[in-house]
Amino acid sequence: MSEVFTKTAGWLDWYHGPSKPKFVLPAGAVDAHCHVFGPGSEFAFAPERKYTPCDASKAQLYALRDQLGFARNVVVQATCHGADNRAMVDACLASAGKARGVATVRRSVTDAELQQLHAAGVRGVRFNFVKRLVDFTPKDELLEIATRVGALGWHVVIYFEAVDLPELWDFFTALPTTVVVDHMGRPNVDKPIDGPEFQLFLKFMREHQNVWSKVSCPERLSTSGPRALPGEAQPSYRDVIPFARRVVEEFSDRVLWGTDWPHPNLKDHMPDDGLLVDFIPQIAPTAELQHKLLVANPMRLYWPDEA
């Protein structure tokens, strides 16, 4: 009998009926950061999880892909599933080659299991350092995992908050793979763009050519909110634009973008994914930058044989 899961109190369900974006995505665009949750009746949530989400299935993800105009997805393992990658793998296998995966694995993973993940389309592992979401994993264990997956040509995705970069710097710079930072390292956009916190992140990217960044999740980072005030001509999430645009323009060959659907752990509002797509030309204002961000870069990282 399937286990019945009750959502965490206050959990916001994803936005149903997203608008059609005004911005027309370039052909072959990749949503390079999204998730699937369960469904819980088919893929149980991890006993050690910090939250219980709504269901968000592969069918619903791929319906969103088509609605927004993307051609491909990168499905990132959600913390609510722990190191049980079955839901993510199932989504990749159902995509007819149009999805890649980023897994969570433990030191105990076997070489045969890694090969199975690779065959399913997995091309990276995610290390989460956001303390409210996961328990601490020893860095020697993570470095061992990174070395093993590096032999498969995989990369490491790191999720952390800006205030923690100084203490994590030595570990991140020791990783032997391409390193992809989730959501620009979650900068505090109320602080100056030229202040020490964000400048340290830019230094991290400048000094380490193996470091990439996702310029995603304005809905997580913004304090100005999803819509302009009445009478204003300014775009949604306007306080995030200078930060993301700086990263896109300076590191145009090492940036990715994704919806983050179904937007786990948002507390104040659930974004319309169509409006999130309309955010893209604000941070990548030219066709060349848009193509790099949405097509060339993710294809080079996840589908190198087709790039």
C-alpha atoms as a PDB file:
ATOM      1  CA  MET A   1       0.000   0.000   0.000  1.00  0.00           C
ATOM      2  CA  SER A   2       1.345   3.440  -0.940  1.00  0.00           C
ATOM      3  CA  GLU A   3       2.321   5.798   1.846  1.00  0.00           C
ATOM      4  CA  VAL A   4       0.166   8.917   2.193  1.00  0.00           C
ATOM      5  CA  PHE A   5       2.187  12.123   2.477  1.00  0.00           C
ATOM      6  CA  THR A   6       0.816  15.342   3.970  1.00  0.00           C
ATOM      7  CA  LYS A   7       2.307  18.591   2.704  1.00  0.00           C
ATOM      8  CA  THR A   8       4.295  20.771   5.060  1.00  0.00           C
ATOM      9  CA  ALA A   9       2.050  23.432   6.597  1.00  0.00           C
ATOM     10  CA  GLY A  10       2.057  26.610   4.520  1.00  0.00           C
ATOM     11  CA  TRP A  11       3.496  24.915   1.448  1.00  0.00           C
ATOM     12  CA  LEU A  12       2.603  26.823  -1.722  1.00  0.00           C
ATOM     13  CA  ASP A  13       1.565  24.694  -4.686  1.00  0.00           C
ATOM     14  CA  TRP A  14       3.042  25.555  -8.056  1.00  0.00           C
ATOM     15  CA  TYR A  15       1.248  28.058 -10.269  1.00  0.00           C
ATOM     16  CA  HIS A  16      -1.353  26.418 -12.476  1.00  0.00           C
ATOM     17  CA  GLY A  17      -2.119  27.958 -15.862  1.00  0.00           C
ATOM     18  CA  PRO A  18       1.125  29.897 -16.430  1.00  0.00           C
ATOM     19  CA  SER A  19       0.951  32.707 -18.966  1.00  0.00           C
ATOM     20  CA  LYS A  20       2.455  32.405 -22.421  1.00  0.00           C
ATOM     21  CA  PRO A  21       5.704  34.402 -22.315  1.00  0.00           C
ATOM     22  CA  LYS A  22       6.019  37.529 -24.426  1.00  0.00           C
ATOM     23  CA  PHE A  23       9.686  36.663 -24.937  1.00  0.00           C
ATOM     24  CA  VAL A  24      10.106  34.004 -27.616  1.00  0.00           C
ATOM     25  CA  LEU A  25      12.835  31.602 -26.579  1.00  0.00           C
ATOM     26  CA  PRO A  26      15.533  30.745 -29.124  1.00  0.00           C
ATOM     27  CA  ALA A  27      15.146  27.393 -30.855  1.00  0.00           C
ATOM     28  CA  GLY A  28      16.570  24.578 -28.754  1.00  0.00           C
ATOM     29  CA  ALA A  29      16.363  26.456 -25.432  1.00  0.00           C
ATOM     30  CA  VAL A  30      17.076  24.447 -22.279  1.00  0.00           C
ATOM     31  CA  ASP A  31      15.412  24.851 -18.893  1.00  0.00           C
ATOM     32  CA  ALA A  32      18.598  23.993 -17.016  1.00  0.00           C
ATOM     33  CA  HIS A  33      17.200  23.855 -13.483  1.00  0.00           C
ATOM     34  CA  CYS A  34      13.895  22.216 -12.576  1.00  0.00           C
ATOM     35  CA  HIS A  35      12.658  19.416 -10.325  1.00  0.00           C
ATOM     36  CA  VAL A  36      10.085  16.687  -9.966  1.00  0.00           C
ATOM     37  CA  PHE A  37       8.388  15.845  -6.661  1.00  0.00           C
ATOM     38  CA  GLY A  38       7.099  12.283  -6.529  1.00  0.00           C
ATOM     39  CA  PRO A  39       4.260  11.791  -7.110  1.00  0.00           C
ATOM     40  CA  GLY A  40       4.453  10.512  -3.548  1.00  0.00           C
ATOM     41  CA  SER A  41       2.232   7.525  -4.334  1.00  0.00           C
ATOM     42  CA  GLU A  42       4.856   6.313  -6.810  1.00  0.00           C
ATOM     43  CA  PHE A  43       8.169   7.721  -5.532  1.00  0.00           C
ATOM     44  CA  ALA A  44       8.283   8.030  -1.755  1.00  0.00           C
ATOM     45  CA  PHE A  45       9.806  11.083  -0.124  1.00  0.00           C
ATOM     46  CA  ALA A  46      12.931  10.545   1.982  1.00  0.00           C
ATOM     47  CA  PRO A  47      12.446   9.849   5.711  1.00  0.00           C
ATOM     48  CA  GLU A  48      15.145  12.427   6.551  1.00  0.00           C
ATOM     49  CA  ARG A  49      13.557  15.219   4.438  1.00  0.00           C
ATOM     50  CA  LYS A  50      13.157  18.715   5.897  1.00  0.00           C
ATOM     51  CA  TYR A  51       9.853  19.301   4.093  1.00  0.00           C
ATOM     52  CA  THR A  52       7.043  17.423   2.364  1.00  0.00           C
ATOM     53  CA  PRO A  53       6.102  19.092  -0.935  1.00  0.00           C
ATOM     54  CA  CYS A  54       3.135  18.954  -3.237  1.00  0.00           C
ATOM     55  CA  ASP A  55       3.268  16.419  -6.057  1.00  0.00           C
ATOM     56  CA  ALA A  56       4.883  17.717  -9.247  1.00  0.00           C
ATOM     57  CA  SER A  57       5.126  14.995 -11.866  1.00  0.00           C
ATOM     58  CA  LYS A  58       7.189  14.560 -14.997  1.00  0.00           C
ATOM     59  CA  ALA A  59       4.055  14.919 -17.131  1.00  0.00           C
ATOM     60  CA  GLN A  60       3.323  18.281 -15.531  1.00  0.00           C
ATOM     61  CA  LEU A  61       6.940  19.373 -15.975  1.00  0.00           C
ATOM     62  CA  TYR A  62       6.959  18.517 -19.660  1.00  0.00           C
ATOM     63  CA  ALA A  63       3.591  20.209 -20.192  1.00  0.00           C
ATOM     64  CA  LEU A  64       5.173  23.357 -18.744  1.00  0.00           C
ATOM     65  CA  ARG A  65       8.196  22.913 -21.031  1.00  0.00           C
ATOM     66  CA  ASP A  66       5.909  22.935 -24.056  1.00  0.00           C
ATOM     67  CA  GLN A  67       3.815  25.849 -22.779  1.00  0.00           C
ATOM     68  CA  LEU A  68       6.876  28.037 -22.247  1.00  0.00           C
ATOM     69  CA  GLY A  69       8.646  27.017 -25.455  1.00  0.00           C
ATOM     70  CA  PHE A  70      11.642  25.094 -24.126  1.00  0.00           C
ATOM     71  CA  ALA A  71      13.048  22.113 -26.027  1.00  0.00           C
ATOM     72  CA  ARG A  72      14.915  20.375 -23.190  1.00  0.00           C
ATOM     73  CA  ASN A  73      15.219  20.157 -19.409  1.00  0.00           C
ATOM     74  CA  VAL A  74      17.835  19.480 -16.770  1.00  0.00           C
ATOM     75  CA  VAL A  75      16.079  17.803 -13.840  1.00  0.00           C
ATOM     76  CA  VAL A  76      17.874  18.421 -10.550  1.00  0.00           C
ATOM     77  CA  GLN A  77      17.385  16.008  -7.652  1.00  0.00           C
ATOM     78  CA  ALA A  78      15.200  17.581  -4.977  1.00  0.00           C
ATOM     79  CA  THR A  79      16.274  17.409  -1.334  1.00  0.00           C
ATOM     80  CA  CYS A  80      12.882  15.952  -0.356  1.00  0.00           C
ATOM     81  CA  HIS A  81      13.913  12.732  -2.155  1.00  0.00           C
ATOM     82  CA  GLY A  82      17.354  12.556  -0.523  1.00  0.00           C
ATOM     83  CA  ALA A  83      19.686  10.213  -2.401  1.00  0.00           C
ATOM     84  CA  ASP A  84      16.800   8.200  -3.860  1.00  0.00           C
ATOM     85  CA  ASN A  85      17.065   9.381  -7.457  1.00  0.00           C
ATOM     86  CA  ARG A  86      14.259   7.261  -8.902  1.00  0.00           C
ATOM     87  CA  ALA A  87      11.799  10.097  -9.602  1.00  0.00           C
ATOM     88  CA  MET A  88      14.468  12.184 -11.353  1.00  0.00           C
ATOM     89  CA  VAL A  89      15.738   9.182 -13.325  1.00  0.00           C
ATOM     90  CA  ASP A  90      12.205   8.254 -14.337  1.00  0.00           C
ATOM     91  CA  ALA A  91      11.677  11.784 -15.668  1.00  0.00           C
ATOM     92  CA  CYS A  92      14.887  11.584 -17.698  1.00  0.00           C
ATOM     93  CA  LEU A  93      14.048   8.169 -19.136  1.00  0.00           C
ATOM     94  CA  ALA A  94      10.585   9.379 -20.160  1.00  0.00           C
ATOM     95  CA  SER A  95      11.990  12.369 -22.057  1.00  0.00           C
ATOM     96  CA  ALA A  96      13.242  10.583 -25.195  1.00  0.00           C
ATOM     97  CA  GLY A  97      16.689  12.088 -24.673  1.00  0.00           C
ATOM     98  CA  LYS A  98      15.389  15.626 -24.104  1.00  0.00           C
ATOM     99  CA  ALA A  99      16.271  15.694 -20.406  1.00  0.00           C
ATOM    100  CA  ARG A 100      19.445  15.299 -18.407  1.00  0.00           C
ATOM    101  CA  GLY A 101      19.711  14.813 -14.670  1.00  0.00           C
ATOM    102  CA  VAL A 102      21.684  15.994 -11.665  1.00  0.00           C
ATOM    103  CA  ALA A 103      21.719  13.416  -8.871  1.00  0.00           C
ATOM    104  CA  THR A 104      22.400  13.253  -5.166  1.00  0.00           C
ATOM    105  CA  VAL A 105      24.628  10.330  -4.202  1.00  0.00           C
ATOM    106  CA  ARG A 106      26.315   9.072  -1.073  1.00  0.00           C
ATOM    107  CA  ARG A 107      29.823   7.700  -0.612  1.00  0.00           C
ATOM    108  CA  SER A 108      28.348   4.181  -0.638  1.00  0.00           C
ATOM    109  CA  VAL A 109      27.171   4.463  -4.265  1.00  0.00           C
ATOM    110  CA  THR A 110      28.718   1.709  -6.380  1.00  0.00           C
ATOM    111  CA  ASP A 111      30.441   2.128  -9.729  1.00  0.00           C
ATOM    112  CA  ALA A 112      27.665   0.065 -11.296  1.00  0.00           C
ATOM    113  CA  GLU A 113      25.034   2.421  -9.862  1.00  0.00           C
ATOM    114  CA  LEU A 114      26.908   5.428 -11.222  1.00  0.00           C
ATOM    115  CA  GLN A 115      27.006   3.783 -14.647  1.00  0.00           C
ATOM    116  CA  GLN A 116      23.249   3.177 -14.466  1.00  0.00           C
ATOM    117  CA  LEU A 117      22.675   6.833 -13.628  1.00  0.00           C
ATOM    118  CA  HIS A 118      24.901   7.870 -16.522  1.00  0.00           C
ATOM    119  CA  ALA A 119      22.968   5.655 -18.925  1.00  0.00           C
ATOM    120  CA  ALA A 120      19.730   7.282 -17.728  1.00  0.00           C
ATOM    121  CA  GLY A 121      21.085  10.738 -18.569  1.00  0.00           C
ATOM    122  CA  VAL A 122      22.630  11.956 -15.314  1.00  0.00           C
ATOM    123  CA  ARG A 123      25.570  14.286 -15.876  1.00  0.00           C
ATOM    124  CA  GLY A 124      26.192  15.831 -12.476  1.00  0.00           C
ATOM    125  CA  VAL A 125      25.856  15.562  -8.710  1.00  0.00           C
ATOM    126  CA  ARG A 126      24.537  18.226  -6.381  1.00  0.00           C
ATOM    127  CA  PHE A 127      26.109  19.222  -3.075  1.00  0.00           C
ATOM    128  CA  ASN A 128      23.766  21.250  -0.885  1.00  0.00           C
ATOM    129  CA  PHE A 129      25.216  23.551   1.774  1.00  0.00           C
ATOM    130  CA  VAL A 130      22.018  25.403   2.708  1.00  0.00           C
ATOM    131  CA  LYS A 131      21.836  24.502   6.374  1.00  0.00           C
ATOM    132  CA  ARG A 132      18.056  24.766   6.741  1.00  0.00           C
ATOM    133  CA  LEU A 133      17.554  22.189   3.959  1.00  0.00           C
ATOM    134  CA  VAL A 134      20.096  19.428   4.609  1.00  0.00           C
ATOM    135  CA  ASP A 135      22.311  17.976   7.294  1.00  0.00           C
ATOM    136  CA  PHE A 136      26.068  18.435   7.054  1.00  0.00           C
ATOM    137  CA  THR A 137      27.989  15.933   4.904  1.00  0.00           C
ATOM    138  CA  PRO A 138      31.723  15.662   5.619  1.00  0.00           C
ATOM    139  CA  LYS A 139      33.760  17.447   2.953  1.00  0.00           C
ATOM    140  CA  ASP A 140      36.141  14.504   2.525  1.00  0.00           C
ATOM    141  CA  GLU A 141      33.149  12.386   1.519  1.00  0.00           C
ATOM    142  CA  LEU A 142      31.990  15.010  -0.979  1.00  0.00           C
ATOM    143  CA  LEU A 143      35.493  15.347  -2.443  1.00  0.00           C
ATOM    144  CA  GLU A 144      35.668  11.577  -2.894  1.00  0.00           C
ATOM    145  CA  ILE A 145      32.322  11.603  -4.698  1.00  0.00           C
ATOM    146  CA  ALA A 146      33.424  14.499  -6.906  1.00  0.00           C
ATOM    147  CA  THR A 147      36.580  12.639  -7.915  1.00  0.00           C
ATOM    148  CA  ARG A 148      34.617   9.525  -8.805  1.00  0.00           C
ATOM    149  CA  VAL A 149      31.986  11.301 -10.903  1.00  0.00           C
ATOM    150  CA  GLY A 150      34.640  13.434 -12.542  1.00  0.00           C
ATOM    151  CA  ALA A 151      35.958  10.255 -14.153  1.00  0.00           C
ATOM    152  CA  LEU A 152      32.566   9.967 -15.893  1.00  0.00           C
ATOM    153  CA  GLY A 153      32.793  13.515 -17.236  1.00  0.00           C
ATOM    154  CA  TRP A 154      30.181  14.767 -14.776  1.00  0.00           C
ATOM    155  CA  HIS A 155      30.206  18.103 -12.992  1.00  0.00           C
ATOM    156  CA  VAL A 156      29.318  19.220  -9.465  1.00  0.00           C
ATOM    157  CA  VAL A 157      26.434  21.567  -8.690  1.00  0.00           C
ATOM    158  CA  ILE A 158      26.802  23.539  -5.457  1.00  0.00           C
ATOM    159  CA  TYR A 159      23.997  25.253  -3.576  1.00  0.00           C
ATOM    160  CA  PHE A 160      24.952  27.687  -0.849  1.00  0.00           C
ATOM    161  CA  GLU A 161      24.149  31.124   0.518  1.00  0.00           C
ATOM    162  CA  ALA A 162      26.389  34.122  -0.110  1.00  0.00           C
ATOM    163  CA  VAL A 163      27.351  34.635   3.525  1.00  0.00           C
ATOM    164  CA  ASP A 164      28.845  31.127   3.620  1.00  0.00           C
ATOM    165  CA  LEU A 165      31.157  31.471   0.592  1.00  0.00           C
ATOM    166  CA  PRO A 166      34.249  32.522   2.603  1.00  0.00           C
ATOM    167  CA  GLU A 167      34.198  29.376   4.743  1.00  0.00           C
ATOM    168  CA  LEU A 168      33.463  27.147   1.723  1.00  0.00           C
ATOM    169  CA  TRP A 169      35.984  28.765  -0.647  1.00  0.00           C
ATOM    170  CA  ASP A 170      38.852  26.310  -0.063  1.00  0.00           C
ATOM    171  CA  PHE A 171      36.616  23.291  -0.554  1.00  0.00           C
ATOM    172  CA  PHE A 172      34.949  24.655  -3.698  1.00  0.00           C
ATOM    173  CA  THR A 173      38.274  25.551  -5.305  1.00  0.00           C
ATOM    174  CA  ALA A 174      39.607  22.041  -4.611  1.00  0.00           C
ATOM    175  CA  LEU A 175      36.832  20.325  -6.572  1.00  0.00           C
ATOM    176  CA  PRO A 176      38.353  18.509  -9.589  1.00  0.00           C
ATOM    177  CA  THR A 177      35.395  19.040 -11.955  1.00  0.00           C
ATOM    178  CA  THR A 178      33.405  21.773 -13.599  1.00  0.00           C
ATOM    179  CA  VAL A 179      31.481  23.472 -10.771  1.00  0.00           C
ATOM    180  CA  VAL A 180      28.018  24.968 -11.351  1.00  0.00           C
ATOM    181  CA  VAL A 181      26.695  27.402  -8.749  1.00  0.00           C
ATOM    182  CA  ASP A 182      22.959  27.453  -8.154  1.00  0.00           C
ATOM    183  CA  HIS A 183      21.276  30.880  -8.315  1.00  0.00           C
ATOM    184  CA  MET A 184      24.457  33.003  -8.198  1.00  0.00           C
ATOM    185  CA  GLY A 185      25.160  31.776  -4.687  1.00  0.00           C
ATOM    186  CA  ARG A 186      21.974  33.445  -3.402  1.00  0.00           C
ATOM    187  CA  PRO A 187      23.231  37.036  -3.104  1.00  0.00           C
ATOM    188  CA  ASN A 188      21.485  39.509  -0.834  1.00  0.00           C
ATOM    189  CA  VAL A 189      20.206  41.926  -3.484  1.00  0.00           C
ATOM    190  CA  ASP A 190      19.526  44.585  -0.848  1.00  0.00           C
ATOM    191  CA  LYS A 191      23.286  44.950  -0.508  1.00  0.00           C
ATOM    192  CA  PRO A 192      25.348  46.930  -3.057  1.00  0.00           C
ATOM    193  CA  ILE A 193      26.304  45.088  -6.226  1.00  0.00           C
ATOM    194  CA  ASP A 194      29.830  46.449  -5.775  1.00  0.00           C
ATOM    195  CA  GLY A 195      29.906  45.500  -2.097  1.00  0.00           C
ATOM    196  CA  PRO A 196      32.269  42.871  -0.705  1.00  0.00           C
ATOM    197  CA  GLU A 197      29.764  40.002  -0.645  1.00  0.00           C
ATOM    198  CA  PHE A 198      28.848  39.926  -4.343  1.00  0.00           C
ATOM    199  CA  GLN A 199      32.328  40.977  -5.406  1.00  0.00           C
ATOM    200  CA  LEU A 200      33.690  37.879  -3.679  1.00  0.00           C
ATOM    201  CA  PHE A 201      31.377  35.743  -5.803  1.00  0.00           C
ATOM    202  CA  LEU A 202      32.565  37.498  -8.981  1.00  0.00           C
ATOM    203  CA  LYS A 203      36.170  36.951  -7.865  1.00  0.00           C
ATOM    204  CA  PHE A 204      35.356  33.265  -7.383  1.00  0.00           C
ATOM    205  CA  MET A 205      34.242  33.048 -11.020  1.00  0.00           C
ATOM    206  CA  ARG A 206      37.059  35.203 -12.400  1.00  0.00           C
ATOM    207  CA  GLU A 207      39.826  33.245 -10.706  1.00  0.00           C
ATOM    208  CA  HIS A 208      38.416  29.783 -11.435  1.00  0.00           C
ATOM    209  CA  GLN A 209      37.584  29.105 -15.054  1.00  0.00           C
ATOM    210  CA  ASN A 210      35.864  25.822 -14.150  1.00  0.00           C
ATOM    211  CA  VAL A 211      33.121  27.701 -12.251  1.00  0.00           C
ATOM    212  CA  TRP A 212      29.758  28.317 -13.933  1.00  0.00           C
ATOM    213  CA  SER A 213      26.665  29.993 -12.523  1.00  0.00           C
ATOM    214  CA  LYS A 214      22.928  29.681 -12.917  1.00  0.00           C
ATOM    215  CA  VAL A 215      21.376  33.150 -13.074  1.00  0.00           C
ATOM    216  CA  SER A 216      18.035  31.745 -12.025  1.00  0.00           C
ATOM    217  CA  CYS A 217      15.475  32.234  -9.257  1.00  0.00           C
ATOM    218  CA  PRO A 218      14.787  35.978  -9.147  1.00  0.00           C
ATOM    219  CA  GLU A 219      11.630  35.023  -7.256  1.00  0.00           C
ATOM    220  CA  ARG A 220      13.832  33.664  -4.436  1.00  0.00           C
ATOM    221  CA  LEU A 221      16.245  36.562  -4.335  1.00  0.00           C
ATOM    222  CA  SER A 222      14.009  39.570  -4.887  1.00  0.00           C
ATOM    223  CA  THR A 223      12.593  41.818  -2.202  1.00  0.00           C
ATOM    224  CA  SER A 224      10.900  44.129  -4.736  1.00  0.00           C
ATOM    225  CA  GLY A 225       8.523  41.368  -5.781  1.00  0.00           C
ATOM    226  CA  PRO A 226       7.045  39.850  -8.924  1.00  0.00           C
ATOM    227  CA  ARG A 227       5.300  42.889 -10.379  1.00  0.00           C
ATOM    228  CA  ALA A 228       6.028  46.565 -10.806  1.00  0.00           C
ATOM    229  CA  LEU A 229       4.077  48.989  -8.655  1.00  0.00           C
ATOM    230  CA  PRO A 230       1.037  50.695 -10.254  1.00  0.00           C
ATOM    231  CA  GLY A 231       2.182  53.357 -12.673  1.00  0.00           C
ATOM    232  CA  GLU A 232       5.745  52.037 -12.842  1.00  0.00           C
ATOM    233  CA  ALA A 233       7.325  50.828 -16.069  1.00  0.00           C
ATOM    234  CA  GLN A 234       9.947  48.754 -14.276  1.00  0.00           C
ATOM    235  CA  PRO A 235      10.026  44.976 -14.804  1.00  0.00           C
ATOM    236  CA  SER A 236       9.287  42.204 -12.343  1.00  0.00           C
ATOM    237  CA  TYR A 237      12.001  41.296  -9.825  1.00  0.00           C
ATOM    238  CA  ARG A 238      13.849  44.456 -10.851  1.00  0.00           C
ATOM    239  CA  ASP A 239      16.236  44.399  -7.882  1.00  0.00           C
ATOM    240  CA  VAL A 240      17.773  41.129  -9.099  1.00  0.00           C
ATOM    241  CA  ILE A 241      18.427  42.333 -12.659  1.00  0.00           C
ATOM    242  CA  PRO A 242      21.743  44.175 -12.058  1.00  0.00           C
ATOM    243  CA  PHE A 243      23.259  41.166 -10.286  1.00  0.00           C
ATOM    244  CA  ALA A 244      22.221  38.596 -12.887  1.00  0.00           C
ATOM    245  CA  ARG A 245      23.083  40.855 -15.804  1.00  0.00           C
ATOM    246  CA  ARG A 246      26.574  41.462 -14.419  1.00  0.00           C
ATOM    247  CA  VAL A 247      27.195  37.697 -14.299  1.00  0.00           C
ATOM    248  CA  VAL A 248      25.748  37.099 -17.778  1.00  0.00           C
ATOM    249  CA  GLU A 249      27.744  39.871 -19.414  1.00  0.00           C
ATOM    250  CA  GLU A 250      31.067  39.062 -17.720  1.00  0.00           C
ATOM    251  CA  PHE A 251      30.864  35.264 -17.906  1.00  0.00           C
ATOM    252  CA  SER A 252      28.682  34.738 -20.982  1.00  0.00           C
ATOM    253  CA  ASP A 253      30.196  31.335 -21.794  1.00  0.00           C
ATOM    254  CA  ARG A 254      29.617  29.960 -18.265  1.00  0.00           C
ATOM    255  CA  VAL A 255      26.019  30.837 -17.418  1.00  0.00           C
ATOM    256  CA  LEU A 256      22.791  28.811 -17.381  1.00  0.00           C
ATOM    257  CA  TRP A 257      19.140  29.595 -16.684  1.00  0.00           C
ATOM    258  CA  GLY A 258      16.249  27.534 -15.349  1.00  0.00           C
ATOM    259  CA  THR A 259      12.729  27.945 -14.067  1.00  0.00           C
ATOM    260  CA  ASP A 260      13.298  26.132 -10.737  1.00  0.00           C
ATOM    261  CA  TRP A 261       9.812  24.667 -11.222  1.00  0.00           C
ATOM    262  CA  PRO A 262       7.958  23.713  -9.027  1.00  0.00           C
ATOM    263  CA  HIS A 263       9.683  26.327  -6.860  1.00  0.00           C
ATOM    264  CA  PRO A 264      10.277  24.532  -3.547  1.00  0.00           C
ATOM    265  CA  ASN A 265      10.061  26.314  -0.222  1.00  0.00           C
ATOM    266  CA  LEU A 266       8.781  29.681  -1.397  1.00  0.00           C
ATOM    267  CA  LYS A 267       6.932  31.426   1.405  1.00  0.00           C
ATOM    268  CA  ASP A 268       5.385  34.648   0.069  1.00  0.00           C
ATOM    269  CA  HIS A 269       4.256  34.015  -3.506  1.00  0.00           C
ATOM    270  CA  MET A 270       4.333  31.393  -6.243  1.00  0.00           C
ATOM    271  CA  PRO A 271       5.639  32.782  -9.537  1.00  0.00           C
ATOM    272  CA  ASP A 272       3.976  32.612 -12.913  1.00  0.00           C
ATOM    273  CA  ASP A 273       6.597  30.752 -14.973  1.00  0.00           C
ATOM    274  CA  GLY A 274       5.649  32.748 -18.057  1.00  0.00           C
ATOM    275  CA  LEU A 275       6.703  35.936 -16.253  1.00  0.00           C
ATOM    276  CA  LEU A 276       9.966  34.268 -15.244  1.00  0.00           C
ATOM    277  CA  VAL A 277      10.748  33.632 -18.925  1.00  0.00           C
ATOM    278  CA  ASP A 278      10.014  37.303 -19.620  1.00  0.00           C
ATOM    279  CA  PHE A 279      12.733  38.132 -17.068  1.00  0.00           C
ATOM    280  CA  ILE A 280      15.395  36.616 -19.352  1.00  0.00           C
ATOM    281  CA  PRO A 281      15.841  39.511 -21.833  1.00  0.00           C
ATOM    282  CA  GLN A 282      16.301  41.854 -18.858  1.00  0.00           C
ATOM    283  CA  ILE A 283      19.465  39.989 -17.856  1.00  0.00           C
ATOM    284  CA  ALA A 284      20.598  38.815 -21.318  1.00  0.00           C
ATOM    285  CA  PRO A 285      19.669  41.786 -23.509  1.00  0.00           C
ATOM    286  CA  THR A 286      21.092  40.634 -26.848  1.00  0.00           C
ATOM    287  CA  ALA A 287      20.281  37.682 -29.070  1.00  0.00           C
ATOM    288  CA  GLU A 288      23.877  36.484 -28.761  1.00  0.00           C
ATOM    289  CA  LEU A 289      23.755  36.455 -24.959  1.00  0.00           C
ATOM    290  CA  GLN A 290      20.333  34.788 -24.978  1.00  0.00           C
ATOM    291  CA  HIS A 291      21.576  32.015 -27.269  1.00  0.00           C
ATOM    292  CA  LYS A 292      24.623  31.365 -25.085  1.00  0.00           C
ATOM    293  CA  LEU A 293      22.586  31.359 -21.887  1.00  0.00           C
ATOM    294  CA  LEU A 294      19.743  29.170 -23.129  1.00  0.00           C
ATOM    295  CA  VAL A 295      21.183  26.993 -25.893  1.00  0.00           C
ATOM    296  CA  ALA A 296      24.945  26.929 -26.453  1.00  0.00           C
ATOM    297  CA  ASN A 297      26.081  26.693 -22.829  1.00  0.00           C
ATOM    298  CA  PRO A 298      23.643  24.030 -21.571  1.00  0.00           C
ATOM    299  CA  MET A 299      24.141  21.983 -24.723  1.00  0.00           C
ATOM    300  CA  ARG A 300      27.919  22.084 -24.255  1.00  0.00           C
ATOM    301  CA  LEU A 301      27.596  20.958 -20.643  1.00  0.00           C
ATOM    302  CA  TYR A 302      24.782  18.385 -20.897  1.00  0.00           C
ATOM    303  CA  TRP A 303      24.662  17.273 -24.542  1.00  0.00           C
ATOM    304  CA  PRO A 304      28.254  17.791 -25.752  1.00  0.00           C
ATOM    305  CA  ASP A 305      27.872  15.261 -28.546  1.00  0.00           C
ATOM    306  CA  GLU A 306      25.062  17.383 -30.036  1.00  0.00           C
ATOM    307  CA  ALA A 307      26.451  20.845 -29.285  1.00  0.00           C
END
